[in-house]
Protein backbone atom coordinates (compact mmCIF):
# COMPACT_ATOMS: atom_id res chain seq x y z
CA UNK A 1 59.13 118.84 84.13
CA UNK A 2 59.58 118.80 80.37
CA UNK A 3 61.04 115.96 78.28
CA UNK A 4 64.52 117.52 78.17
CA UNK A 5 64.56 118.01 81.94
CA UNK A 6 63.55 114.39 82.50
CA UNK A 7 66.28 113.24 80.12
CA UNK A 8 68.90 115.26 81.98
CA UNK A 9 67.78 113.78 85.31
CA UNK A 10 67.92 110.29 83.79
CA UNK A 11 71.43 110.91 82.43
CA UNK A 12 72.48 112.15 85.86
CA UNK A 13 71.09 108.99 87.43
CA UNK A 14 72.98 106.86 84.89
CA UNK A 15 76.25 108.65 85.63
CA UNK A 16 75.75 108.07 89.35
CA UNK A 17 75.08 104.36 88.77
CA UNK A 18 78.35 104.16 86.82
CA UNK A 19 80.14 105.92 89.67
CA UNK A 20 78.71 103.51 92.24
CA UNK A 21 79.79 100.56 90.09
CA UNK A 22 83.33 101.87 89.75
CA UNK A 23 83.74 102.55 93.45
CA UNK A 24 82.32 99.17 94.46
CA UNK A 25 84.20 96.85 92.13
CA UNK A 26 87.53 98.04 93.52
CA UNK A 27 86.76 96.33 96.84
CA UNK A 28 86.29 93.05 94.96
CA UNK A 29 89.41 93.51 92.83
CA UNK A 30 91.89 94.17 95.65
CA UNK A 31 91.76 90.65 97.19
CA UNK A 32 92.42 89.16 93.75
CA UNK A 33 95.33 91.55 93.16
CA UNK A 34 96.84 90.46 96.48
CA UNK A 35 96.47 86.80 95.51
CA UNK A 36 97.72 87.09 91.92
CA UNK A 37 100.64 89.43 92.50
CA UNK A 38 101.48 88.70 96.12
CA UNK A 39 100.76 92.34 96.94
CA UNK A 40 101.00 93.26 100.61
CA UNK A 41 98.08 94.61 102.60
CA UNK A 42 100.02 97.81 103.27
CA UNK A 43 100.37 98.44 99.51
CA UNK A 44 96.64 97.97 99.01
CA UNK A 45 95.89 100.25 101.97
CA UNK A 46 98.15 102.92 100.50
CA UNK A 47 96.37 102.60 97.14
CA UNK A 48 92.94 102.91 98.75
CA UNK A 49 94.00 105.92 100.84
CA UNK A 50 95.54 107.67 97.84
CA UNK A 51 92.37 106.99 95.86
CA UNK A 52 90.12 108.53 98.50
CA UNK A 53 92.35 111.61 98.75
CA UNK A 54 92.29 111.87 94.96
CA UNK A 55 88.48 111.83 95.02
CA UNK A 56 88.47 114.60 97.62
CA UNK A 57 90.83 116.76 95.57
CA UNK A 58 88.91 116.00 92.38
CA UNK A 59 85.65 117.27 93.86
CA UNK A 60 87.21 120.37 95.41
CA UNK A 61 88.96 121.34 92.17
CA UNK A 62 86.20 120.41 89.72
CA UNK A 63 83.47 122.39 91.48
CA UNK A 64 84.99 125.86 90.98
CA UNK A 65 86.12 124.93 87.45
CA UNK A 66 82.56 123.90 86.58
CA UNK A 67 81.07 127.10 87.97
CA UNK A 68 83.67 129.21 86.17
CA UNK A 69 84.02 127.52 82.79
CA UNK A 70 80.95 125.32 82.41
CA UNK A 71 79.59 122.14 83.94
CA UNK A 72 79.07 120.10 80.82
CA UNK A 73 82.73 120.15 79.84
CA UNK A 74 83.91 119.22 83.33
CA UNK A 75 81.40 116.36 83.48
CA UNK A 76 82.42 114.96 80.11
CA UNK A 77 86.11 115.21 81.03
CA UNK A 78 85.53 113.51 84.38
CA UNK A 79 83.63 110.60 82.83
CA UNK A 80 86.35 110.10 80.23
CA UNK A 81 89.04 110.18 82.92
CA UNK A 82 87.51 107.64 85.29
CA UNK A 83 86.10 105.45 82.52
CA UNK A 84 89.29 105.13 80.50
CA UNK A 85 91.55 104.91 83.57
CA UNK A 86 89.44 102.13 85.10
CA UNK A 87 89.33 100.17 81.85
CA UNK A 88 93.10 100.49 81.34
CA UNK A 89 93.79 99.48 84.96
CA UNK A 90 92.97 95.91 83.96
CA UNK A 91 96.10 95.95 81.77
CA UNK A 92 98.41 96.84 84.68
CA UNK A 93 101.19 94.36 85.36
CA UNK A 94 102.19 95.47 88.86
CA UNK A 95 100.77 97.30 91.86
CA UNK A 96 102.64 100.53 91.09
CA UNK A 97 100.96 100.98 87.71
CA UNK A 98 97.65 99.75 89.15
CA UNK A 99 97.81 102.31 91.97
CA UNK A 100 98.70 105.17 89.63
CA UNK A 101 95.80 104.43 87.31
CA UNK A 102 93.44 104.02 90.26
CA UNK A 103 94.39 107.43 91.62
CA UNK A 104 93.70 108.96 88.19
CA UNK A 105 90.32 107.20 88.01
CA UNK A 106 89.40 108.38 91.51
CA UNK A 107 90.16 111.99 90.56
CA UNK A 108 87.60 111.67 87.78
CA UNK A 109 85.10 110.00 90.10
CA UNK A 110 85.49 112.78 92.64
CA UNK A 111 85.04 115.44 89.98
CA UNK A 112 81.91 114.01 88.38
CA UNK A 113 79.50 113.47 91.28
CA UNK A 114 79.13 117.04 92.63
CA UNK A 115 79.05 118.60 89.17
CA UNK A 116 76.37 116.19 87.96
CA UNK A 117 74.28 116.97 91.04
CA UNK A 118 74.62 120.67 90.21
CA UNK A 119 73.54 120.03 86.61
CA UNK A 120 70.47 118.09 87.75
CA UNK A 121 69.56 120.82 90.23
CA UNK A 122 70.01 123.57 87.64
CA UNK A 123 67.81 121.85 85.07
CA UNK A 124 64.96 120.98 87.45
CA UNK A 125 62.07 123.30 88.41
CA UNK A 126 62.48 124.70 91.91
CA UNK A 127 59.45 122.87 93.32
CA UNK A 128 60.82 119.49 92.13
CA UNK A 129 64.51 120.14 92.70
CA UNK A 130 64.99 118.46 96.09
CA UNK A 131 63.33 115.10 95.25
CA UNK A 132 64.92 114.89 91.79
CA UNK A 133 68.42 115.54 93.18
CA UNK A 134 67.87 112.85 95.83
CA UNK A 135 66.65 110.44 93.16
CA UNK A 136 69.68 111.05 90.94
CA UNK A 137 72.02 110.57 93.90
CA UNK A 138 70.44 107.18 94.64
CA UNK A 139 72.22 105.95 91.52
CA UNK A 140 75.41 105.53 93.56
CA UNK A 141 73.66 103.14 95.95
CA UNK A 142 72.09 101.31 93.01
CA UNK A 143 75.53 100.97 91.42
CA UNK A 144 76.91 99.67 94.70
CA UNK A 145 74.30 96.91 94.87
CA UNK A 146 74.72 96.06 91.18
CA UNK A 147 78.50 96.04 91.53
CA UNK A 148 78.39 93.18 94.00
CA UNK A 149 76.29 91.01 91.71
CA UNK A 150 78.40 91.93 88.68
CA UNK A 151 81.65 91.08 90.45
CA UNK A 152 80.34 87.69 91.54
CA UNK A 153 79.31 86.94 87.95
CA UNK A 154 82.37 88.23 86.07
CA UNK A 155 85.43 87.55 88.24
CA UNK A 156 85.07 83.73 88.56
CA UNK A 157 84.71 83.19 84.83
CA UNK A 158 86.64 86.05 83.22
CA UNK A 159 88.92 87.49 85.89
CA UNK A 160 89.20 90.86 87.56
CA UNK A 161 90.73 92.66 84.52
CA UNK A 162 87.54 91.91 82.58
CA UNK A 163 85.47 93.42 85.39
CA UNK A 164 87.54 96.61 85.31
CA UNK A 165 87.28 96.82 81.52
CA UNK A 166 83.51 96.31 81.60
CA UNK A 167 82.83 98.89 84.30
CA UNK A 168 85.30 101.36 82.80
CA UNK A 169 83.77 101.23 79.34
CA UNK A 170 80.16 101.25 80.59
CA UNK A 171 79.86 105.03 81.19
CA UNK A 172 81.57 106.10 77.95
CA UNK A 173 78.37 105.95 75.82
CA UNK A 174 76.95 108.61 78.15
CA UNK A 175 79.52 111.14 76.92
CA UNK A 176 77.97 111.85 73.48
CA UNK A 177 74.50 111.90 75.03
CA UNK A 178 75.54 114.50 77.59
CA UNK A 179 77.35 116.54 74.95
CA UNK A 180 74.29 116.50 72.69
CA UNK A 181 71.38 116.89 75.10
CA UNK A 182 72.60 118.71 78.23
CA UNK A 183 72.66 122.50 77.74
CA UNK A 184 75.31 124.56 79.47
CA UNK A 185 74.18 126.10 82.75
CA UNK A 186 72.95 129.67 82.59
CA UNK A 187 75.20 130.68 85.50
CA UNK A 188 78.32 129.47 83.66
CA UNK A 189 77.26 131.30 80.50
CA UNK A 190 76.76 134.48 82.51
CA UNK A 191 80.14 134.10 84.21
CA UNK A 192 81.84 133.67 80.85
CA UNK A 193 80.08 136.75 79.47
CA UNK A 194 78.14 134.95 76.75
CA UNK A 195 75.57 137.01 74.80
CA UNK A 196 71.97 137.07 75.96
CA UNK A 197 70.81 135.23 72.83
CA UNK A 198 72.93 132.19 73.70
CA UNK A 199 71.64 132.21 77.27
CA UNK A 200 68.02 132.35 76.13
CA UNK A 201 68.73 129.46 73.75
CA UNK A 202 69.95 127.39 76.69
CA UNK A 203 66.81 128.27 78.64
CA UNK A 204 64.62 127.40 75.66
CA UNK A 205 66.10 123.88 75.54
CA UNK A 206 64.92 123.29 79.11
CA UNK A 207 61.53 124.92 78.64
CA UNK A 208 60.60 124.67 74.95
CA UNK A 209 57.64 126.77 73.90
CA UNK A 210 57.95 129.17 76.83
CA UNK A 211 58.84 132.84 76.55
CA UNK A 212 62.14 133.39 78.40
CA UNK A 213 62.69 136.97 77.28
CA UNK A 214 61.54 138.28 80.66
CA UNK A 215 64.08 136.23 82.67
CA UNK A 216 66.49 138.41 84.66
CA UNK A 217 70.06 137.74 83.51
CA UNK A 218 71.75 140.07 85.99
CA UNK A 219 70.15 139.32 89.35
CA UNK A 220 71.83 137.81 92.38
CA UNK A 221 73.75 138.81 95.46
CA UNK A 222 76.79 140.97 94.96
CA UNK A 223 79.13 138.28 96.30
CA UNK A 224 77.74 135.80 93.76
CA UNK A 225 78.54 138.03 90.78
CA UNK A 226 82.24 138.76 91.23
CA UNK A 227 83.98 136.90 88.40
CA UNK A 228 87.43 137.83 89.66
CA UNK A 229 86.85 136.55 93.18
CA UNK A 230 87.73 132.97 94.03
CA UNK A 231 84.54 130.93 94.21
CA UNK A 232 85.90 128.78 97.05
CA UNK A 233 86.39 131.95 99.09
CA UNK A 234 82.79 133.01 98.46
CA UNK A 235 81.54 129.65 99.77
CA UNK A 236 83.31 130.49 103.04
CA UNK A 237 82.34 134.17 103.04
CA UNK A 238 80.21 135.79 105.72
CA UNK A 239 77.02 135.06 103.77
CA UNK A 240 77.64 131.34 103.31
CA UNK A 241 80.15 130.24 105.99
CA UNK A 242 77.56 129.02 108.56
CA UNK A 243 75.74 127.04 105.87
CA UNK A 244 78.96 125.61 104.46
CA UNK A 245 80.40 124.51 107.80
CA UNK A 246 77.16 122.83 108.90
CA UNK A 247 76.86 120.99 105.58
CA UNK A 248 80.48 119.87 105.87
CA UNK A 249 79.82 118.54 109.36
CA UNK A 250 76.77 116.59 108.21
CA UNK A 251 78.46 115.04 105.18
CA UNK A 252 81.68 114.30 107.07
CA UNK A 253 79.70 112.34 109.66
CA UNK A 254 77.18 110.62 107.39
CA UNK A 255 79.63 109.49 104.73
CA UNK A 256 82.06 108.43 107.44
CA UNK A 257 79.46 106.31 109.24
CA UNK A 258 78.19 104.71 106.02
CA UNK A 259 81.66 103.76 104.82
CA UNK A 260 82.73 102.53 108.25
CA UNK A 261 79.80 100.13 108.23
CA UNK A 262 80.37 99.09 104.61
CA UNK A 263 84.05 98.40 105.26
CA UNK A 264 83.89 96.79 108.68
CA UNK A 265 80.39 95.34 108.98
CA UNK A 266 81.49 91.99 107.44
CA UNK A 267 84.27 91.65 110.00
CA UNK A 268 82.08 92.75 112.91
CA UNK A 269 79.30 90.33 111.96
CA UNK A 270 81.73 87.46 111.41
CA UNK A 271 83.23 88.06 114.85
CA UNK A 272 79.73 87.79 116.28
CA UNK A 273 79.73 84.14 115.19
CA UNK A 274 77.67 84.24 111.99
CA UNK A 275 78.61 82.06 109.03
CA UNK A 276 80.09 83.55 105.88
CA UNK A 277 76.79 83.08 104.01
CA UNK A 278 74.77 84.83 106.71
CA UNK A 279 77.36 87.59 106.97
CA UNK A 280 76.95 88.23 103.25
CA UNK A 281 73.19 88.44 103.65
CA UNK A 282 73.45 90.97 106.48
CA UNK A 283 75.87 93.16 104.53
CA UNK A 284 73.68 92.92 101.43
CA UNK A 285 70.64 93.97 103.44
CA UNK A 286 72.50 97.05 104.64
CA UNK A 287 73.32 98.05 101.05
CA UNK A 288 69.77 97.38 99.91
CA UNK A 289 68.40 99.36 102.83
CA UNK A 290 70.60 102.31 101.90
CA UNK A 291 69.22 102.31 98.37
CA UNK A 292 65.64 102.08 99.66
CA UNK A 293 66.31 104.96 102.04
CA UNK A 294 67.56 107.20 99.25
CA UNK A 295 64.54 106.37 97.11
CA UNK A 296 62.32 107.07 100.12
CA UNK A 297 64.02 110.45 100.51
CA UNK A 298 63.21 111.27 96.90
CA UNK A 299 59.52 110.65 97.55
CA UNK A 300 59.48 112.20 101.02
CA UNK A 301 61.09 115.44 99.88
CA UNK A 302 58.13 116.06 97.57
CA UNK A 303 55.99 116.76 100.61
CA UNK A 304 58.26 117.54 103.56
CA UNK A 305 60.78 120.24 104.39
CA UNK A 306 64.26 119.01 103.44
CA UNK A 307 65.90 120.25 106.65
CA UNK A 308 63.38 118.54 108.91
CA UNK A 309 63.56 115.40 106.79
CA UNK A 310 67.37 115.35 107.19
CA UNK A 311 67.10 115.97 110.93
CA UNK A 312 64.50 113.21 111.34
CA UNK A 313 66.42 110.71 109.20
CA UNK A 314 69.65 111.40 111.10
CA UNK A 315 67.89 111.06 114.46
CA UNK A 316 66.31 107.78 113.35
CA UNK A 317 69.75 106.60 112.18
CA UNK A 318 71.11 107.24 115.65
CA UNK A 319 68.14 105.46 117.21
CA UNK A 320 68.57 102.50 114.86
CA UNK A 321 72.25 102.31 115.78
CA UNK A 322 71.41 102.30 119.50
CA UNK A 323 68.70 99.64 119.13
CA UNK A 324 71.00 97.47 117.02
CA UNK A 325 73.73 97.79 119.64
CA UNK A 326 71.39 96.92 122.50
CA UNK A 327 69.46 94.11 120.82
CA UNK A 328 72.27 91.59 120.63
CA UNK A 329 73.89 89.86 117.69
CA UNK A 330 71.42 87.17 116.62
CA UNK A 331 71.04 86.59 112.89
CA UNK A 332 67.35 87.48 112.59
CA UNK A 333 67.61 90.56 114.77
CA UNK A 334 70.75 91.81 113.06
CA UNK A 335 69.20 91.33 109.63
CA UNK A 336 66.12 93.39 110.50
CA UNK A 337 67.95 96.10 112.39
CA UNK A 338 70.77 96.50 109.88
CA UNK A 339 68.18 96.83 107.11
CA UNK A 340 66.40 99.57 109.07
CA UNK A 341 69.72 101.27 109.77
CA UNK A 342 70.52 101.25 106.05
CA UNK A 343 67.14 102.83 105.24
CA UNK A 344 67.65 105.61 107.79
CA UNK A 345 71.22 106.36 106.72
CA UNK A 346 70.21 106.26 103.06
CA UNK A 347 67.43 108.74 103.74
CA UNK A 348 69.90 111.01 105.50
CA UNK A 349 72.37 110.87 102.61
CA UNK A 350 69.71 111.52 99.98
CA UNK A 351 68.16 114.46 101.80
CA UNK A 352 71.59 115.98 102.50
CA UNK A 353 72.33 116.03 98.78
CA UNK A 354 69.13 118.01 98.29
CA UNK A 355 70.08 120.37 101.11
CA UNK A 356 73.54 120.91 99.64
CA UNK A 357 72.30 121.45 96.10
CA UNK A 358 69.72 124.03 97.20
CA UNK A 359 71.89 125.77 99.79
CA UNK A 360 73.89 127.67 97.18
CA UNK A 361 72.81 129.80 94.23
CA UNK A 362 73.43 128.41 90.77
CA UNK A 363 76.61 130.46 90.37
CA UNK A 364 78.18 128.67 93.37
CA UNK A 365 76.36 125.34 93.30
CA UNK A 366 79.08 123.13 91.83
CA UNK A 367 81.71 124.75 94.06
CA UNK A 368 79.64 124.18 97.18
CA UNK A 369 78.83 120.60 96.20
CA UNK A 370 82.45 119.92 95.25
CA UNK A 371 83.81 121.03 98.60
CA UNK A 372 81.04 119.16 100.40
CA UNK A 373 82.04 116.00 98.53
CA UNK A 374 85.72 116.52 99.33
CA UNK A 375 85.08 116.96 103.05
CA UNK A 376 82.91 113.84 103.01
CA UNK A 377 85.78 111.84 101.53
CA UNK A 378 88.00 113.02 104.38
CA UNK A 379 85.28 111.67 106.66
CA UNK A 380 85.60 108.23 105.06
CA UNK A 381 89.34 108.22 105.71
CA UNK A 382 88.85 109.27 109.32
CA UNK A 383 86.16 106.67 109.95
CA UNK A 384 88.29 103.99 108.32
CA UNK A 385 91.16 104.74 110.69
CA UNK A 386 88.88 104.90 113.74
CA UNK A 387 87.12 101.68 112.74
CA UNK A 388 90.42 99.88 112.42
CA UNK A 389 91.52 101.13 115.83
CA UNK A 390 88.27 100.07 117.51
CA UNK A 391 88.23 96.62 115.92
CA UNK A 392 91.94 96.18 116.61
CA UNK A 393 91.24 96.95 120.26
CA UNK A 394 88.76 94.07 120.36
CA UNK A 395 85.57 96.13 120.48
CA UNK A 396 82.42 94.24 119.57
CA UNK A 397 79.41 95.36 117.54
CA UNK A 398 77.47 96.94 120.46
CA UNK A 399 80.34 99.11 121.66
CA UNK A 400 81.26 100.36 118.18
CA UNK A 401 77.65 101.16 117.33
CA UNK A 402 77.07 103.06 120.57
CA UNK A 403 80.04 105.29 119.69
CA UNK A 404 78.39 106.14 116.34
CA UNK A 405 75.29 107.49 118.09
CA UNK A 406 77.08 110.67 119.15
CA UNK A 407 78.06 112.03 115.70
CA UNK A 408 74.65 111.07 114.30
CA UNK A 409 72.98 113.11 117.05
CA UNK A 410 75.22 116.05 116.11
CA UNK A 411 74.13 115.68 112.48
CA UNK A 412 70.47 115.83 113.46
CA UNK A 413 71.07 119.02 115.44
CA UNK A 414 73.12 120.52 112.61
CA UNK A 415 70.27 119.87 110.16
CA UNK A 416 67.92 121.95 112.29
CA UNK A 417 70.49 124.74 112.50
CA UNK A 418 70.86 124.62 108.72
CA UNK A 419 67.22 125.59 108.34
CA UNK A 420 68.08 128.96 109.87
CA UNK A 421 71.55 129.30 108.37
CA UNK A 422 70.79 128.77 104.67
CA UNK A 423 70.42 132.18 102.98
CA UNK A 424 67.00 132.83 101.44
CA UNK A 425 66.82 132.55 97.67
CA UNK A 426 67.19 135.67 95.59
CA UNK A 427 63.69 136.83 94.59
CA UNK A 428 63.07 136.88 90.86
CA UNK A 429 62.94 140.21 89.13
CA UNK A 430 59.41 141.47 88.42
CA UNK A 431 58.12 140.97 84.92
CA UNK A 432 58.62 143.93 82.64
């Protein structure tokens, strides 16, 4: 990888950290909003639900726009939307204004993640693409961990509006850097009919000193090169439908399981009789394990097939869930097992990002990733509802965890099917 490619990957990682921060701090702000304004739990639940739906729509809409009109512009717009909206949310005087601004911010958050992953994949050499995409995606987990520490440091002394302002303004310096140093994707330039000279200039920025005159600027499958056809329809066409549906299943399950545990693990652990301090440690270990798992995926994907890695990580996640459910609820055992579960789930999430980014050609990559992200957000809503029902019915940790084994087993099987379903890459044109 050249210096420009490393810089683009680093910028992608920084954007993902900012996204993780923004998503995480909201969970620390809501209790303070309820206390300060007397806001009901139902109003907060409505705000959270609307935010998740906004993220799903943001990803599904931004992907095709990025593939059609350019990824850099969509990324810059998304960062500005969620950064400014989050910062301004701290000025809200009631829950109605707060909720409106949060929905706007979540639309930007949903738009940015899949497009940034597509940018990182496009700018990375094929042999390094899977591990670099997984590494960039780990920024969300890093932002999640950092968000907890930041909230505990800022809210007691400065209040929750200051936390929103800080995390909203933090990603804005990335905008001029992205505008200056990230070249537009070749696929978007081709779609927009830009001249060959401009396309070769974009390639030269990624590979300075290399002759790009021989690069084929017309290759690809016929269904990838129809500018008048809806990109979302192509993702579900005969060529890509099996791949798309299997990826949706995997992300729906994995994101749903991760968010169910993040949202309800504190309550489940507290019901098991652990003190508040020990509950916090267990939850923190799960978040740290998730980050470690995603970093492990980045290293593992350098040597191992991404489909088998995803299948193995998902199977180990199911095994870790079963062992945790069967081992009891003691503090030491829970700490160790929840950490291992976080590592396995993090590895699954990181490798799935690599699978999704490489499953589609560059002309469809942002669209495919955007829809994948949107379906995953629907999974978080579904898991949130199911988790509430199970906990409301009095289910304990073992019973809830045993239920999660089934979808994780399906994910492992789907990963193996993906290996056969993903279309082979288009071979490069022979040198002239």
